Amino acid sequence: MPNDQVITVRGEEDLATRAGHLFTGVNKEFLCAATDMDTWSRPSTRAAIVARMRPAVQDRALTVRKLYTSAALADAEQREQLLQVAAVGAQVRICESGLPHETIIIDRRVMILAGPRTHGDREFTVTTSPGLIDPVHGLFDATWEAAVPLADRLELPMIGPDGREILRTLGAGLTDEVAARRMGISLRTYRRRVAELLRALDSDSRFQAGLRAGELGLSP
């Protein structure tokens, strides 16, 4: 796509055909501002994008910042999707104000703006113009700074150093006796803290607690 070009496409299929390659070419930064998880893509499309980006995000070679409104917290399914996105390594924040410019910015060189729906399909504007991208990037940064991290917005459980140490012992498969000795506490105290950790993570078993901690990004 030549510099300063602006194109408009209608519907996700057209967007994928003409600009889908841009999502796989991201190198350093991927920014997304959207009303909710359904703004941009069908679940299958979103899952495919996340899968492609996962290795780079986990290696910290790619910064992913996702900004949503509180509409993304409206139901349990979307909240779970947000937690999955955060567990992959993306930074997620929630802003209280509306987002009139639902936007994706890739490496500060390509921008995709979501427009109104027309006959059931949504229009998307794709541009490589720095004169258009830079001001919107600045608006994203300002909104991001004023937004609330997902963990704070959902009031996720606070797991201190002792809790993280217990998560490590559970993940290592240590017996309660060995784990208690390693932590320098009595067996009774260790088991009490494990029970408290399960309650904090709303889990019925130690295995479930480990999974839940991973989803919330609390694993050590």
N, C-alpha and C. Protein backbone atom coordinates (compact mmCIF):
# COMPACT_ATOMS: atom_id res chain seq x y z
N MET A 1 0.85 -1.19 0.00
CA MET A 1 0.00 0.00 0.00
C MET A 1 0.89 1.24 0.00
N PRO A 2 0.87 2.09 -1.02
CA PRO A 2 1.75 3.26 -1.10
C PRO A 2 1.52 4.24 0.04
N ASN A 3 2.55 5.03 0.36
CA ASN A 3 2.43 6.05 1.39
C ASN A 3 1.32 7.03 1.05
N ASP A 4 0.61 7.45 2.10
CA ASP A 4 -0.44 8.46 2.02
C ASP A 4 -1.70 7.97 1.30
N GLN A 5 -1.77 6.70 0.96
CA GLN A 5 -2.96 6.20 0.29
C GLN A 5 -4.08 6.01 1.30
N VAL A 6 -5.29 6.27 0.87
CA VAL A 6 -6.48 6.06 1.70
C VAL A 6 -7.47 5.25 0.87
N ILE A 7 -7.91 4.11 1.42
CA ILE A 7 -8.92 3.31 0.73
C ILE A 7 -10.05 3.02 1.69
N THR A 8 -11.24 2.81 1.17
CA THR A 8 -12.41 2.47 1.97
C THR A 8 -12.95 1.13 1.48
N VAL A 9 -13.18 0.23 2.41
CA VAL A 9 -13.72 -1.08 2.06
C VAL A 9 -15.01 -1.30 2.86
N ARG A 10 -15.84 -2.21 2.39
CA ARG A 10 -17.11 -2.47 3.08
C ARG A 10 -17.17 -3.94 3.48
N GLY A 11 -17.29 -4.16 4.78
CA GLY A 11 -17.42 -5.52 5.30
C GLY A 11 -16.09 -6.16 5.60
N GLU A 12 -16.12 -7.15 6.52
CA GLU A 12 -14.90 -7.80 6.96
C GLU A 12 -14.22 -8.62 5.86
N GLU A 13 -15.01 -9.21 5.00
CA GLU A 13 -14.42 -10.02 3.93
C GLU A 13 -13.56 -9.15 3.01
N ASP A 14 -14.09 -7.98 2.65
CA ASP A 14 -13.34 -7.07 1.79
C ASP A 14 -12.10 -6.56 2.52
N LEU A 15 -12.25 -6.27 3.82
CA LEU A 15 -11.12 -5.81 4.62
C LEU A 15 -10.03 -6.88 4.68
N ALA A 16 -10.44 -8.13 4.91
CA ALA A 16 -9.48 -9.22 4.99
C ALA A 16 -8.77 -9.43 3.66
N THR A 17 -9.52 -9.28 2.57
CA THR A 17 -8.94 -9.49 1.24
C THR A 17 -7.92 -8.42 0.89
N ARG A 18 -8.25 -7.17 1.19
CA ARG A 18 -7.42 -6.07 0.74
C ARG A 18 -6.38 -5.61 1.78
N ALA A 19 -6.64 -5.91 3.06
CA ALA A 19 -5.71 -5.42 4.09
C ALA A 19 -5.36 -6.46 5.15
N GLY A 20 -5.83 -7.70 4.97
CA GLY A 20 -5.57 -8.72 5.98
C GLY A 20 -4.10 -9.00 6.21
N HIS A 21 -3.29 -8.85 5.16
CA HIS A 21 -1.85 -9.10 5.30
C HIS A 21 -1.18 -8.14 6.28
N LEU A 22 -1.80 -7.00 6.51
CA LEU A 22 -1.20 -6.00 7.40
C LEU A 22 -1.14 -6.52 8.84
N PHE A 23 -2.11 -7.37 9.22
CA PHE A 23 -2.14 -7.88 10.59
C PHE A 23 -0.99 -8.85 10.85
N THR A 24 -0.54 -9.55 9.83
CA THR A 24 0.55 -10.49 10.01
C THR A 24 1.91 -9.81 9.87
N GLY A 25 1.92 -8.56 9.38
CA GLY A 25 3.19 -7.85 9.18
C GLY A 25 3.56 -6.94 10.33
N VAL A 26 2.80 -6.96 11.42
CA VAL A 26 3.10 -6.09 12.55
C VAL A 26 4.41 -6.51 13.20
N ASN A 27 5.26 -5.51 13.52
CA ASN A 27 6.59 -5.80 14.06
C ASN A 27 6.79 -5.34 15.50
N LYS A 28 6.33 -4.13 15.82
CA LYS A 28 6.66 -3.56 17.13
C LYS A 28 5.44 -3.21 17.97
N GLU A 29 4.40 -2.65 17.34
CA GLU A 29 3.29 -2.12 18.14
C GLU A 29 1.96 -2.35 17.43
N PHE A 30 1.00 -2.81 18.20
CA PHE A 30 -0.36 -3.00 17.70
C PHE A 30 -1.31 -2.34 18.69
N LEU A 31 -2.01 -1.31 18.24
CA LEU A 31 -2.95 -0.59 19.08
C LEU A 31 -4.37 -0.83 18.57
N CYS A 32 -5.28 -0.99 19.49
CA CYS A 32 -6.68 -1.19 19.10
C CYS A 32 -7.58 -0.46 20.08
N ALA A 33 -8.46 0.38 19.56
CA ALA A 33 -9.48 1.05 20.37
C ALA A 33 -10.83 0.63 19.82
N ALA A 34 -11.68 0.09 20.68
CA ALA A 34 -12.97 -0.43 20.22
C ALA A 34 -14.01 -0.32 21.32
N THR A 35 -15.25 -0.24 20.92
CA THR A 35 -16.34 -0.18 21.90
C THR A 35 -16.40 -1.46 22.72
N ASP A 36 -16.35 -2.61 22.04
CA ASP A 36 -16.41 -3.90 22.72
C ASP A 36 -15.71 -4.95 21.87
N MET A 37 -15.80 -6.20 22.28
CA MET A 37 -15.10 -7.27 21.59
C MET A 37 -15.71 -7.60 20.23
N ASP A 38 -16.92 -7.11 19.97
CA ASP A 38 -17.58 -7.41 18.71
C ASP A 38 -17.42 -6.31 17.66
N THR A 39 -16.68 -5.27 18.00
CA THR A 39 -16.56 -4.14 17.08
C THR A 39 -15.92 -4.54 15.76
N TRP A 40 -14.84 -5.30 15.86
CA TRP A 40 -14.03 -5.52 14.67
C TRP A 40 -14.30 -6.82 13.95
N SER A 41 -14.36 -7.90 14.67
CA SER A 41 -14.32 -9.17 13.96
C SER A 41 -15.18 -10.24 14.58
N ARG A 42 -15.47 -11.22 13.76
CA ARG A 42 -16.13 -12.42 14.23
C ARG A 42 -15.16 -13.16 15.15
N PRO A 43 -15.68 -13.97 16.11
CA PRO A 43 -14.78 -14.67 17.04
C PRO A 43 -13.70 -15.49 16.35
N SER A 44 -14.03 -16.15 15.24
CA SER A 44 -13.04 -16.98 14.56
C SER A 44 -11.91 -16.14 13.99
N THR A 45 -12.26 -14.97 13.45
CA THR A 45 -11.23 -14.07 12.90
C THR A 45 -10.34 -13.56 14.01
N ARG A 46 -10.97 -13.14 15.12
CA ARG A 46 -10.20 -12.61 16.25
C ARG A 46 -9.26 -13.68 16.81
N ALA A 47 -9.73 -14.92 16.92
CA ALA A 47 -8.90 -15.99 17.46
C ALA A 47 -7.70 -16.25 16.57
N ALA A 48 -7.90 -16.15 15.25
CA ALA A 48 -6.80 -16.37 14.32
C ALA A 48 -5.74 -15.28 14.46
N ILE A 49 -6.19 -14.02 14.62
CA ILE A 49 -5.26 -12.91 14.78
C ILE A 49 -4.45 -13.06 16.07
N VAL A 50 -5.15 -13.42 17.16
CA VAL A 50 -4.48 -13.61 18.45
C VAL A 50 -3.43 -14.72 18.35
N ALA A 51 -3.78 -15.81 17.67
CA ALA A 51 -2.86 -16.94 17.54
C ALA A 51 -1.60 -16.53 16.79
N ARG A 52 -1.75 -15.69 15.74
CA ARG A 52 -0.59 -15.26 14.97
C ARG A 52 0.31 -14.33 15.78
N MET A 53 -0.29 -13.52 16.63
CA MET A 53 0.49 -12.55 17.39
C MET A 53 1.07 -13.12 18.68
N ARG A 54 0.52 -14.22 19.18
CA ARG A 54 0.88 -14.74 20.49
C ARG A 54 2.39 -14.90 20.70
N PRO A 55 3.14 -15.56 19.80
CA PRO A 55 4.57 -15.76 20.06
C PRO A 55 5.33 -14.45 20.24
N ALA A 56 5.06 -13.46 19.40
CA ALA A 56 5.78 -12.18 19.49
C ALA A 56 5.43 -11.43 20.76
N VAL A 57 4.17 -11.50 21.17
CA VAL A 57 3.74 -10.82 22.40
C VAL A 57 4.40 -11.46 23.60
N GLN A 58 4.39 -12.79 23.65
CA GLN A 58 4.96 -13.49 24.80
C GLN A 58 6.47 -13.30 24.88
N ASP A 59 7.12 -13.10 23.73
CA ASP A 59 8.56 -12.82 23.72
C ASP A 59 8.87 -11.35 23.97
N ARG A 60 7.81 -10.56 24.17
CA ARG A 60 7.93 -9.12 24.41
C ARG A 60 8.55 -8.37 23.25
N ALA A 61 8.52 -8.99 22.07
CA ALA A 61 8.99 -8.30 20.87
C ALA A 61 7.92 -7.38 20.32
N LEU A 62 6.69 -7.61 20.72
CA LEU A 62 5.56 -6.85 20.21
C LEU A 62 4.74 -6.30 21.37
N THR A 63 4.49 -5.00 21.34
CA THR A 63 3.63 -4.36 22.33
C THR A 63 2.21 -4.29 21.79
N VAL A 64 1.28 -4.84 22.54
CA VAL A 64 -0.13 -4.80 22.17
C VAL A 64 -0.90 -4.05 23.25
N ARG A 65 -1.54 -2.96 22.86
CA ARG A 65 -2.39 -2.20 23.79
C ARG A 65 -3.80 -2.18 23.23
N LYS A 66 -4.75 -2.62 24.06
CA LYS A 66 -6.14 -2.68 23.63
C LYS A 66 -6.99 -1.85 24.58
N LEU A 67 -7.75 -0.94 24.00
CA LEU A 67 -8.56 0.00 24.76
C LEU A 67 -10.03 -0.23 24.42
N TYR A 68 -10.84 -0.47 25.46
CA TYR A 68 -12.26 -0.71 25.26
C TYR A 68 -13.07 0.19 26.18
N THR A 69 -14.35 0.33 25.87
CA THR A 69 -15.26 1.02 26.77
C THR A 69 -15.85 0.00 27.74
N SER A 70 -16.58 0.48 28.72
CA SER A 70 -17.19 -0.42 29.71
C SER A 70 -18.22 -1.34 29.08
N ALA A 71 -18.62 -1.08 27.83
CA ALA A 71 -19.55 -1.98 27.14
C ALA A 71 -18.94 -3.37 26.98
N ALA A 72 -17.61 -3.45 26.95
CA ALA A 72 -16.94 -4.74 26.80
C ALA A 72 -17.05 -5.59 28.06
N LEU A 73 -17.51 -4.99 29.16
CA LEU A 73 -17.68 -5.73 30.42
C LEU A 73 -19.14 -6.07 30.68
N ALA A 74 -19.97 -5.87 29.67
CA ALA A 74 -21.42 -6.00 29.87
C ALA A 74 -21.87 -7.43 30.11
N ASP A 75 -21.16 -8.41 29.60
CA ASP A 75 -21.58 -9.79 29.81
C ASP A 75 -20.37 -10.66 30.11
N ALA A 76 -20.65 -11.83 30.67
CA ALA A 76 -19.59 -12.73 31.13
C ALA A 76 -18.72 -13.22 29.98
N GLU A 77 -19.31 -13.45 28.82
CA GLU A 77 -18.54 -13.97 27.68
C GLU A 77 -17.48 -12.97 27.24
N GLN A 78 -17.85 -11.69 27.14
CA GLN A 78 -16.87 -10.69 26.73
C GLN A 78 -15.80 -10.49 27.80
N ARG A 79 -16.21 -10.53 29.07
CA ARG A 79 -15.21 -10.40 30.14
C ARG A 79 -14.19 -11.53 30.06
N GLU A 80 -14.66 -12.74 29.78
CA GLU A 80 -13.75 -13.88 29.67
C GLU A 80 -12.82 -13.70 28.48
N GLN A 81 -13.34 -13.17 27.37
CA GLN A 81 -12.50 -12.92 26.20
C GLN A 81 -11.41 -11.89 26.51
N LEU A 82 -11.78 -10.86 27.28
CA LEU A 82 -10.79 -9.85 27.66
C LEU A 82 -9.68 -10.47 28.51
N LEU A 83 -10.06 -11.35 29.43
CA LEU A 83 -9.07 -12.00 30.27
C LEU A 83 -8.14 -12.89 29.45
N GLN A 84 -8.69 -13.54 28.43
CA GLN A 84 -7.87 -14.37 27.56
C GLN A 84 -6.87 -13.52 26.78
N VAL A 85 -7.33 -12.36 26.31
CA VAL A 85 -6.44 -11.44 25.59
C VAL A 85 -5.31 -10.98 26.52
N ALA A 86 -5.67 -10.64 27.77
CA ALA A 86 -4.66 -10.19 28.73
C ALA A 86 -3.70 -11.32 29.09
N ALA A 87 -4.21 -12.55 29.17
CA ALA A 87 -3.36 -13.68 29.53
C ALA A 87 -2.30 -13.95 28.47
N VAL A 88 -2.60 -13.61 27.21
CA VAL A 88 -1.63 -13.79 26.12
C VAL A 88 -0.46 -12.82 26.29
N GLY A 89 -0.71 -11.68 26.94
CA GLY A 89 0.35 -10.69 27.13
C GLY A 89 -0.01 -9.29 26.68
N ALA A 90 -1.22 -9.11 26.17
CA ALA A 90 -1.65 -7.78 25.75
C ALA A 90 -1.99 -6.92 26.96
N GLN A 91 -1.75 -5.63 26.84
CA GLN A 91 -2.18 -4.68 27.86
C GLN A 91 -3.60 -4.24 27.52
N VAL A 92 -4.49 -4.31 28.51
CA VAL A 92 -5.90 -3.99 28.27
C VAL A 92 -6.34 -2.93 29.29
N ARG A 93 -6.98 -1.88 28.79
CA ARG A 93 -7.54 -0.85 29.66
C ARG A 93 -8.98 -0.53 29.25
N ILE A 94 -9.71 -0.01 30.23
CA ILE A 94 -11.13 0.32 30.03
C ILE A 94 -11.32 1.81 30.25
N CYS A 95 -11.94 2.49 29.29
CA CYS A 95 -12.24 3.92 29.46
C CYS A 95 -13.74 4.09 29.62
N GLU A 96 -14.13 5.09 30.39
CA GLU A 96 -15.54 5.30 30.67
C GLU A 96 -16.23 6.07 29.56
N SER A 97 -15.48 6.88 28.83
CA SER A 97 -16.09 7.66 27.75
C SER A 97 -16.24 6.82 26.49
N GLY A 98 -17.05 7.29 25.58
CA GLY A 98 -17.22 6.59 24.32
C GLY A 98 -15.99 6.73 23.44
N LEU A 99 -15.88 5.87 22.44
CA LEU A 99 -14.77 5.93 21.50
C LEU A 99 -15.33 6.19 20.10
N PRO A 100 -15.42 7.47 19.73
CA PRO A 100 -16.01 7.79 18.43
C PRO A 100 -15.17 7.32 17.26
N HIS A 101 -13.87 7.09 17.51
CA HIS A 101 -12.98 6.64 16.43
C HIS A 101 -12.45 5.26 16.79
N GLU A 102 -13.21 4.22 16.45
CA GLU A 102 -12.75 2.86 16.70
C GLU A 102 -11.63 2.56 15.71
N THR A 103 -10.46 2.24 16.25
CA THR A 103 -9.24 2.33 15.46
C THR A 103 -8.27 1.20 15.72
N ILE A 104 -7.56 0.79 14.68
CA ILE A 104 -6.40 -0.07 14.81
C ILE A 104 -5.22 0.67 14.18
N ILE A 105 -4.09 0.70 14.91
CA ILE A 105 -2.86 1.31 14.38
C ILE A 105 -1.75 0.28 14.47
N ILE A 106 -1.10 0.02 13.35
CA ILE A 106 -0.06 -0.99 13.26
C ILE A 106 1.28 -0.32 13.00
N ASP A 107 2.18 -0.46 13.99
CA ASP A 107 3.55 0.08 13.86
C ASP A 107 3.57 1.56 13.48
N ARG A 108 2.53 2.26 13.78
CA ARG A 108 2.41 3.69 13.49
C ARG A 108 2.60 4.00 11.99
N ARG A 109 2.36 2.99 11.17
CA ARG A 109 2.51 3.18 9.73
C ARG A 109 1.23 2.88 8.95
N VAL A 110 0.32 2.14 9.59
CA VAL A 110 -0.96 1.81 8.97
C VAL A 110 -2.06 2.02 10.00
N MET A 111 -3.18 2.61 9.57
CA MET A 111 -4.31 2.82 10.47
C MET A 111 -5.59 2.34 9.79
N ILE A 112 -6.44 1.68 10.56
CA ILE A 112 -7.73 1.22 10.08
C ILE A 112 -8.80 1.81 10.98
N LEU A 113 -9.72 2.56 10.38
CA LEU A 113 -10.82 3.18 11.12
C LEU A 113 -12.12 2.47 10.79
N ALA A 114 -12.88 2.13 11.80
CA ALA A 114 -14.18 1.50 11.60
C ALA A 114 -15.24 2.59 11.43
N GLY A 115 -16.02 2.49 10.38
CA GLY A 115 -17.07 3.46 10.11
C GLY A 115 -18.44 2.89 10.40
N PRO A 116 -19.47 3.58 9.99
CA PRO A 116 -20.85 3.12 10.23
C PRO A 116 -21.19 1.90 9.39
N ARG A 117 -22.16 1.14 9.87
CA ARG A 117 -22.63 -0.02 9.11
C ARG A 117 -23.51 0.45 7.95
N THR A 118 -23.34 -0.17 6.82
CA THR A 118 -24.14 0.13 5.64
C THR A 118 -24.73 -1.16 5.11
N HIS A 119 -26.05 -1.26 5.17
CA HIS A 119 -26.73 -2.48 4.72
C HIS A 119 -26.19 -3.71 5.45
N GLY A 120 -25.97 -3.57 6.74
CA GLY A 120 -25.52 -4.70 7.55
C GLY A 120 -24.02 -4.87 7.62
N ASP A 121 -23.28 -4.29 6.68
CA ASP A 121 -21.82 -4.38 6.69
C ASP A 121 -21.22 -3.08 7.21
N ARG A 122 -20.06 -3.19 7.77
CA ARG A 122 -19.39 -2.00 8.29
C ARG A 122 -18.36 -1.50 7.29
N GLU A 123 -18.22 -0.20 7.21
CA GLU A 123 -17.19 0.39 6.36
C GLU A 123 -15.90 0.55 7.15
N PHE A 124 -14.77 0.32 6.48
CA PHE A 124 -13.47 0.49 7.10
C PHE A 124 -12.61 1.36 6.19
N THR A 125 -11.95 2.34 6.80
CA THR A 125 -11.02 3.18 6.06
C THR A 125 -9.60 2.79 6.45
N VAL A 126 -8.77 2.52 5.45
CA VAL A 126 -7.39 2.11 5.67
C VAL A 126 -6.47 3.19 5.09
N THR A 127 -5.50 3.63 5.88
CA THR A 127 -4.60 4.68 5.42
C THR A 127 -3.17 4.46 5.89
N THR A 128 -2.23 4.96 5.12
CA THR A 128 -0.81 4.96 5.50
C THR A 128 -0.28 6.38 5.63
N SER A 129 -1.18 7.35 5.66
CA SER A 129 -0.78 8.75 5.72
C SER A 129 -0.33 9.15 7.12
N PRO A 130 0.93 9.52 7.31
CA PRO A 130 1.39 9.97 8.63
C PRO A 130 0.59 11.16 9.16
N GLY A 131 0.15 12.03 8.24
CA GLY A 131 -0.62 13.19 8.66
C GLY A 131 -1.95 12.82 9.29
N LEU A 132 -2.47 11.65 8.96
CA LEU A 132 -3.71 11.17 9.57
C LEU A 132 -3.42 10.27 10.77
N ILE A 133 -2.38 9.47 10.67
CA ILE A 133 -2.08 8.49 11.72
C ILE A 133 -1.57 9.15 13.00
N ASP A 134 -0.64 10.10 12.87
CA ASP A 134 -0.01 10.68 14.05
C ASP A 134 -1.00 11.35 15.01
N PRO A 135 -1.95 12.17 14.54
CA PRO A 135 -2.90 12.78 15.48
C PRO A 135 -3.78 11.75 16.19
N VAL A 136 -4.20 10.71 15.48
CA VAL A 136 -5.04 9.68 16.10
C VAL A 136 -4.22 8.87 17.11
N HIS A 137 -2.95 8.62 16.79
CA HIS A 137 -2.07 7.94 17.72
C HIS A 137 -1.95 8.75 19.02
N GLY A 138 -1.82 10.07 18.89
CA GLY A 138 -1.75 10.93 20.06
C GLY A 138 -3.03 10.90 20.86
N LEU A 139 -4.17 10.86 20.17
CA LEU A 139 -5.46 10.77 20.86
C LEU A 139 -5.58 9.45 21.60
N PHE A 140 -5.10 8.37 20.98
CA PHE A 140 -5.11 7.07 21.65
C PHE A 140 -4.29 7.13 22.93
N ASP A 141 -3.08 7.69 22.85
CA ASP A 141 -2.21 7.76 24.02
C ASP A 141 -2.86 8.53 25.16
N ALA A 142 -3.50 9.65 24.83
CA ALA A 142 -4.14 10.47 25.86
C ALA A 142 -5.29 9.71 26.52
N THR A 143 -6.08 9.03 25.71
CA THR A 143 -7.20 8.26 26.25
C THR A 143 -6.70 7.08 27.07
N TRP A 144 -5.63 6.46 26.61
CA TRP A 144 -5.03 5.33 27.32
C TRP A 144 -4.57 5.74 28.71
N GLU A 145 -3.92 6.88 28.82
CA GLU A 145 -3.40 7.33 30.12
C GLU A 145 -4.52 7.58 31.12
N ALA A 146 -5.69 7.98 30.62
CA ALA A 146 -6.82 8.26 31.51
C ALA A 146 -7.66 7.02 31.80
N ALA A 147 -7.40 5.93 31.10
CA ALA A 147 -8.19 4.72 31.25
C ALA A 147 -7.71 3.89 32.45
N VAL A 148 -8.52 2.89 32.82
CA VAL A 148 -8.24 2.06 33.99
C VAL A 148 -7.78 0.68 33.53
N PRO A 149 -6.68 0.14 34.09
CA PRO A 149 -6.26 -1.21 33.73
C PRO A 149 -7.37 -2.22 33.99
N LEU A 150 -7.43 -3.24 33.14
CA LEU A 150 -8.49 -4.24 33.25
C LEU A 150 -8.55 -4.87 34.63
N ALA A 151 -7.39 -5.20 35.20
CA ALA A 151 -7.37 -5.86 36.51
C ALA A 151 -8.03 -4.99 37.58
N ASP A 152 -7.80 -3.67 37.52
CA ASP A 152 -8.42 -2.77 38.49
C ASP A 152 -9.91 -2.65 38.24
N ARG A 153 -10.30 -2.61 36.98
CA ARG A 153 -11.72 -2.44 36.63
C ARG A 153 -12.55 -3.64 37.05
N LEU A 154 -11.96 -4.83 36.97
CA LEU A 154 -12.68 -6.05 37.35
C LEU A 154 -12.48 -6.40 38.81
N GLU A 155 -11.66 -5.59 39.50
CA GLU A 155 -11.37 -5.85 40.90
C GLU A 155 -10.86 -7.27 41.09
N LEU A 156 -9.82 -7.62 40.33
CA LEU A 156 -9.25 -8.95 40.40
C LEU A 156 -8.58 -9.16 41.75
N PRO A 157 -8.48 -10.41 42.17
CA PRO A 157 -7.90 -10.68 43.49
C PRO A 157 -6.46 -10.22 43.59
N MET A 158 -6.12 -9.65 44.73
CA MET A 158 -4.75 -9.22 44.96
C MET A 158 -3.96 -10.41 45.53
N ILE A 159 -2.96 -10.84 44.80
CA ILE A 159 -2.14 -11.97 45.22
C ILE A 159 -0.76 -11.44 45.56
N GLY A 160 -0.43 -11.44 46.85
CA GLY A 160 0.85 -10.92 47.29
C GLY A 160 1.99 -11.90 47.07
N PRO A 161 3.19 -11.57 47.57
CA PRO A 161 4.36 -12.44 47.39
C PRO A 161 4.14 -13.85 47.92
N ASP A 162 3.49 -13.98 49.10
CA ASP A 162 3.24 -15.31 49.66
C ASP A 162 2.30 -16.11 48.76
N GLY A 163 1.29 -15.42 48.23
CA GLY A 163 0.35 -16.11 47.34
C GLY A 163 1.04 -16.58 46.07
N ARG A 164 1.93 -15.76 45.52
CA ARG A 164 2.65 -16.16 44.32
C ARG A 164 3.62 -17.31 44.62
N GLU A 165 4.19 -17.31 45.81
CA GLU A 165 5.07 -18.41 46.19
C GLU A 165 4.27 -19.72 46.29
N ILE A 166 3.07 -19.62 46.83
CA ILE A 166 2.21 -20.81 46.90
C ILE A 166 1.84 -21.29 45.51
N LEU A 167 1.55 -20.34 44.60
CA LEU A 167 1.27 -20.72 43.21
C LEU A 167 2.46 -21.46 42.61
N ARG A 168 3.68 -21.03 42.94
CA ARG A 168 4.87 -21.70 42.43
C ARG A 168 4.97 -23.13 42.98
N THR A 169 4.67 -23.29 44.27
CA THR A 169 4.76 -24.64 44.86
C THR A 169 3.69 -25.55 44.26
N LEU A 170 2.51 -24.99 44.02
CA LEU A 170 1.45 -25.80 43.41
C LEU A 170 1.82 -26.18 41.98
N GLY A 171 2.39 -25.22 41.26
CA GLY A 171 2.78 -25.49 39.88
C GLY A 171 3.91 -26.50 39.79
N ALA A 172 4.76 -26.54 40.82
CA ALA A 172 5.88 -27.49 40.83
C ALA A 172 5.45 -28.88 41.26
N GLY A 173 4.21 -29.01 41.73
CA GLY A 173 3.71 -30.31 42.15
C GLY A 173 4.30 -30.80 43.46
N LEU A 174 4.76 -29.89 44.31
CA LEU A 174 5.35 -30.28 45.59
C LEU A 174 4.28 -30.79 46.55
N THR A 175 4.66 -31.71 47.40
CA THR A 175 3.74 -32.12 48.46
C THR A 175 3.59 -30.98 49.45
N ASP A 176 2.51 -31.01 50.21
CA ASP A 176 2.29 -29.94 51.18
C ASP A 176 3.44 -29.86 52.17
N GLU A 177 3.96 -31.03 52.58
CA GLU A 177 5.04 -31.05 53.57
C GLU A 177 6.29 -30.37 53.02
N VAL A 178 6.67 -30.73 51.80
CA VAL A 178 7.87 -30.15 51.19
C VAL A 178 7.67 -28.65 50.94
N ALA A 179 6.48 -28.28 50.46
CA ALA A 179 6.19 -26.86 50.18
C ALA A 179 6.25 -26.04 51.46
N ALA A 180 5.69 -26.56 52.55
CA ALA A 180 5.70 -25.84 53.81
C ALA A 180 7.12 -25.63 54.32
N ARG A 181 7.96 -26.69 54.20
CA ARG A 181 9.36 -26.55 54.64
C ARG A 181 10.09 -25.52 53.79
N ARG A 182 9.84 -25.54 52.48
CA ARG A 182 10.52 -24.60 51.59
C ARG A 182 10.14 -23.17 51.93
N MET A 183 8.88 -22.94 52.32
CA MET A 183 8.42 -21.60 52.65
C MET A 183 8.74 -21.21 54.09
N GLY A 184 9.19 -22.20 54.90
CA GLY A 184 9.53 -21.91 56.28
C GLY A 184 8.33 -21.68 57.17
N ILE A 185 7.22 -22.35 56.86
CA ILE A 185 6.01 -22.22 57.67
C ILE A 185 5.52 -23.62 58.05
N SER A 186 4.61 -23.67 59.00
CA SER A 186 4.08 -24.96 59.43
C SER A 186 3.16 -25.54 58.36
N LEU A 187 2.97 -26.86 58.42
CA LEU A 187 2.09 -27.52 57.47
C LEU A 187 0.67 -26.98 57.59
N ARG A 188 0.24 -26.74 58.82
CA ARG A 188 -1.12 -26.22 59.05
C ARG A 188 -1.28 -24.82 58.42
N THR A 189 -0.25 -23.97 58.61
CA THR A 189 -0.32 -22.62 58.03
C THR A 189 -0.32 -22.67 56.52
N TYR A 190 0.49 -23.56 55.95
CA TYR A 190 0.55 -23.68 54.49
C TYR A 190 -0.81 -24.08 53.94
N ARG A 191 -1.42 -25.08 54.53
CA ARG A 191 -2.72 -25.54 54.04
C ARG A 191 -3.79 -24.46 54.21
N ARG A 192 -3.69 -23.67 55.28
CA ARG A 192 -4.65 -22.58 55.47
C ARG A 192 -4.49 -21.54 54.37
N ARG A 193 -3.24 -21.22 54.03
CA ARG A 193 -3.00 -20.23 52.98
C ARG A 193 -3.41 -20.75 51.61
N VAL A 194 -3.25 -22.03 51.38
CA VAL A 194 -3.73 -22.61 50.12
C VAL A 194 -5.25 -22.46 50.03
N ALA A 195 -5.94 -22.74 51.13
CA ALA A 195 -7.40 -22.60 51.16
C ALA A 195 -7.82 -21.15 50.91
N GLU A 196 -7.08 -20.21 51.51
CA GLU A 196 -7.39 -18.79 51.30
C GLU A 196 -7.16 -18.40 49.83
N LEU A 197 -6.11 -18.96 49.23
CA LEU A 197 -5.81 -18.68 47.83
C LEU A 197 -6.92 -19.21 46.92
N LEU A 198 -7.42 -20.41 47.22
CA LEU A 198 -8.51 -20.98 46.43
C LEU A 198 -9.74 -20.10 46.50
N ARG A 199 -10.03 -19.59 47.69
CA ARG A 199 -11.20 -18.71 47.84
C ARG A 199 -11.00 -17.41 47.06
N ALA A 200 -9.79 -16.86 47.13
CA ALA A 200 -9.51 -15.60 46.43
C ALA A 200 -9.67 -15.76 44.92
N LEU A 201 -9.31 -16.95 44.41
CA LEU A 201 -9.39 -17.21 42.97
C LEU A 201 -10.72 -17.85 42.58
N ASP A 202 -11.62 -17.99 43.55
CA ASP A 202 -12.94 -18.57 43.30
C ASP A 202 -12.80 -19.93 42.61
N SER A 203 -11.95 -20.76 43.19
CA SER A 203 -11.65 -22.07 42.60
C SER A 203 -12.00 -23.18 43.57
N ASP A 204 -12.41 -24.32 43.02
CA ASP A 204 -12.79 -25.47 43.84
C ASP A 204 -11.65 -26.46 44.04
N SER A 205 -10.58 -26.31 43.26
CA SER A 205 -9.46 -27.24 43.37
C SER A 205 -8.16 -26.50 43.11
N ARG A 206 -7.07 -27.13 43.47
CA ARG A 206 -5.75 -26.53 43.24
C ARG A 206 -5.46 -26.41 41.74
N PHE A 207 -5.86 -27.42 40.99
CA PHE A 207 -5.66 -27.38 39.54
C PHE A 207 -6.44 -26.22 38.93
N GLN A 208 -7.70 -26.06 39.34
CA GLN A 208 -8.52 -24.96 38.83
C GLN A 208 -7.91 -23.62 39.22
N ALA A 209 -7.35 -23.53 40.42
CA ALA A 209 -6.72 -22.28 40.86
C ALA A 209 -5.55 -21.92 39.96
N GLY A 210 -4.76 -22.93 39.54
CA GLY A 210 -3.65 -22.68 38.65
C GLY A 210 -4.11 -22.16 37.30
N LEU A 211 -5.18 -22.75 36.77
CA LEU A 211 -5.73 -22.29 35.50
C LEU A 211 -6.27 -20.88 35.62
N ARG A 212 -6.99 -20.63 36.72
CA ARG A 212 -7.58 -19.30 36.92
C ARG A 212 -6.49 -18.25 37.07
N ALA A 213 -5.43 -18.57 37.78
CA ALA A 213 -4.33 -17.62 37.95
C ALA A 213 -3.71 -17.29 36.60
N GLY A 214 -3.56 -18.29 35.74
CA GLY A 214 -3.01 -18.06 34.41
C GLY A 214 -3.90 -17.14 33.59
N GLU A 215 -5.21 -17.36 33.65
CA GLU A 215 -6.16 -16.53 32.92
C GLU A 215 -6.07 -15.07 33.36
N LEU A 216 -5.86 -14.86 34.66
CA LEU A 216 -5.83 -13.51 35.21
C LEU A 216 -4.45 -12.87 35.13
N GLY A 217 -3.49 -13.61 34.60
CA GLY A 217 -2.15 -13.07 34.52
C GLY A 217 -1.45 -12.99 35.87
N LEU A 218 -1.85 -13.88 36.82
CA LEU A 218 -1.30 -13.84 38.17
C LEU A 218 -0.23 -14.88 38.39
N SER A 219 -0.04 -15.76 37.41
CA SER A 219 0.95 -16.82 37.60
C SER A 219 2.34 -16.23 37.72
N PRO A 220 3.20 -16.81 38.53
CA PRO A 220 4.55 -16.28 38.70
C PRO A 220 5.38 -16.44 37.46
